[in-house]
Amino acid sequence: TAKALKNLISFTGKTVEEIIPLFTENPAKMLNIFANKGSIDNGKDADIIILDDKINILKTIVGGKLVWEI
């Protein structure tokens, strides 16, 4: 969640770019689905959240389709 992301950034002093793999790449690798999920690349599922500069979720895209928006 956005709250967990904010907490990790606050507690570790790391950047969003450094923390995001903990929420995306690492779980996908552990679940053995990294070929389709966990990062943005050609041929992968288009599941993405769009954040603002304060790490609030603005949009959620699943399978390339907008499914939620503020």
Protein backbone atom coordinates (compact mmCIF):
# COMPACT_ATOMS: atom_id res chain seq x y z
CA THR A 1 0.00 0.00 0.00
CA ALA A 2 1.00 3.64 -0.29
CA LYS A 3 1.22 3.87 3.52
CA ALA A 4 3.71 1.01 3.68
CA LEU A 5 5.77 2.63 0.91
CA LYS A 6 5.77 5.96 2.75
CA ASN A 7 6.80 4.23 5.99
CA LEU A 8 9.71 2.39 4.38
CA ILE A 9 10.97 5.57 2.76
CA SER A 10 10.71 7.39 6.10
CA PHE A 11 12.36 4.62 8.15
CA THR A 12 15.18 3.82 5.71
CA GLY A 13 15.90 7.18 4.08
CA LYS A 14 15.89 5.43 0.71
CA THR A 15 14.26 6.86 -2.41
CA VAL A 16 11.03 5.68 -4.01
CA GLU A 17 13.10 4.20 -6.84
CA GLU A 18 15.13 2.15 -4.35
CA ILE A 19 12.09 0.90 -2.41
CA ILE A 20 9.71 0.04 -5.29
CA PRO A 21 11.48 -3.27 -6.14
CA LEU A 22 10.65 -4.49 -2.63
CA PHE A 23 6.98 -4.20 -3.58
CA THR A 24 7.23 -5.35 -7.20
CA GLU A 25 10.27 -7.27 -8.41
CA ASN A 26 11.10 -9.21 -5.25
CA PRO A 27 7.58 -10.61 -4.64
CA ALA A 28 7.21 -11.50 -8.34
CA LYS A 29 10.51 -13.37 -8.24
CA MET A 30 9.54 -15.19 -5.03
CA LEU A 31 6.21 -16.23 -6.60
CA ASN A 32 7.99 -17.26 -9.81
CA ILE A 33 5.88 -14.88 -11.94
CA PHE A 34 8.61 -12.36 -12.78
CA ALA A 35 8.37 -13.28 -16.46
CA ASN A 36 4.96 -11.56 -16.52
CA LYS A 37 4.85 -9.22 -13.51
CA GLY A 38 7.04 -7.17 -11.22
CA SER A 39 8.62 -4.73 -13.64
CA ILE A 40 7.79 -2.72 -16.74
CA ASP A 41 9.06 -4.45 -19.87
CA ASN A 42 7.90 -5.59 -23.30
CA GLY A 43 5.55 -8.55 -23.10
CA LYS A 44 4.81 -8.17 -19.38
CA ASP A 45 1.36 -7.51 -17.93
CA ALA A 46 0.57 -3.81 -17.81
CA ASP A 47 -0.25 -3.61 -14.09
CA ILE A 48 0.84 -0.18 -12.83
CA ILE A 49 0.00 2.36 -10.17
CA ILE A 50 0.57 6.06 -10.77
CA LEU A 51 1.75 8.04 -7.74
CA ASP A 52 1.99 11.76 -7.11
CA ASP A 53 5.04 13.43 -5.59
CA LYS A 54 3.67 12.77 -2.09
CA ILE A 55 3.27 9.04 -2.84
CA ASN A 56 -0.51 9.11 -3.04
CA ILE A 57 -2.06 6.70 -5.52
CA LEU A 58 -3.65 8.59 -8.41
CA LYS A 59 -4.46 5.76 -10.81
CA THR A 60 -4.41 1.98 -10.99
CA ILE A 61 -3.96 0.23 -14.32
CA VAL A 62 -4.47 -3.54 -14.62
CA GLY A 63 -3.80 -5.37 -17.85
CA GLY A 64 -3.33 -2.02 -19.56
CA LYS A 65 -6.81 -0.81 -18.56
CA LEU A 66 -7.57 1.98 -16.11
CA VAL A 67 -9.48 0.38 -13.23
CA TRP A 68 -9.34 3.15 -10.61
CA GLU A 69 -8.68 6.86 -10.60
CA ILE A 70 -9.10 9.68 -8.12
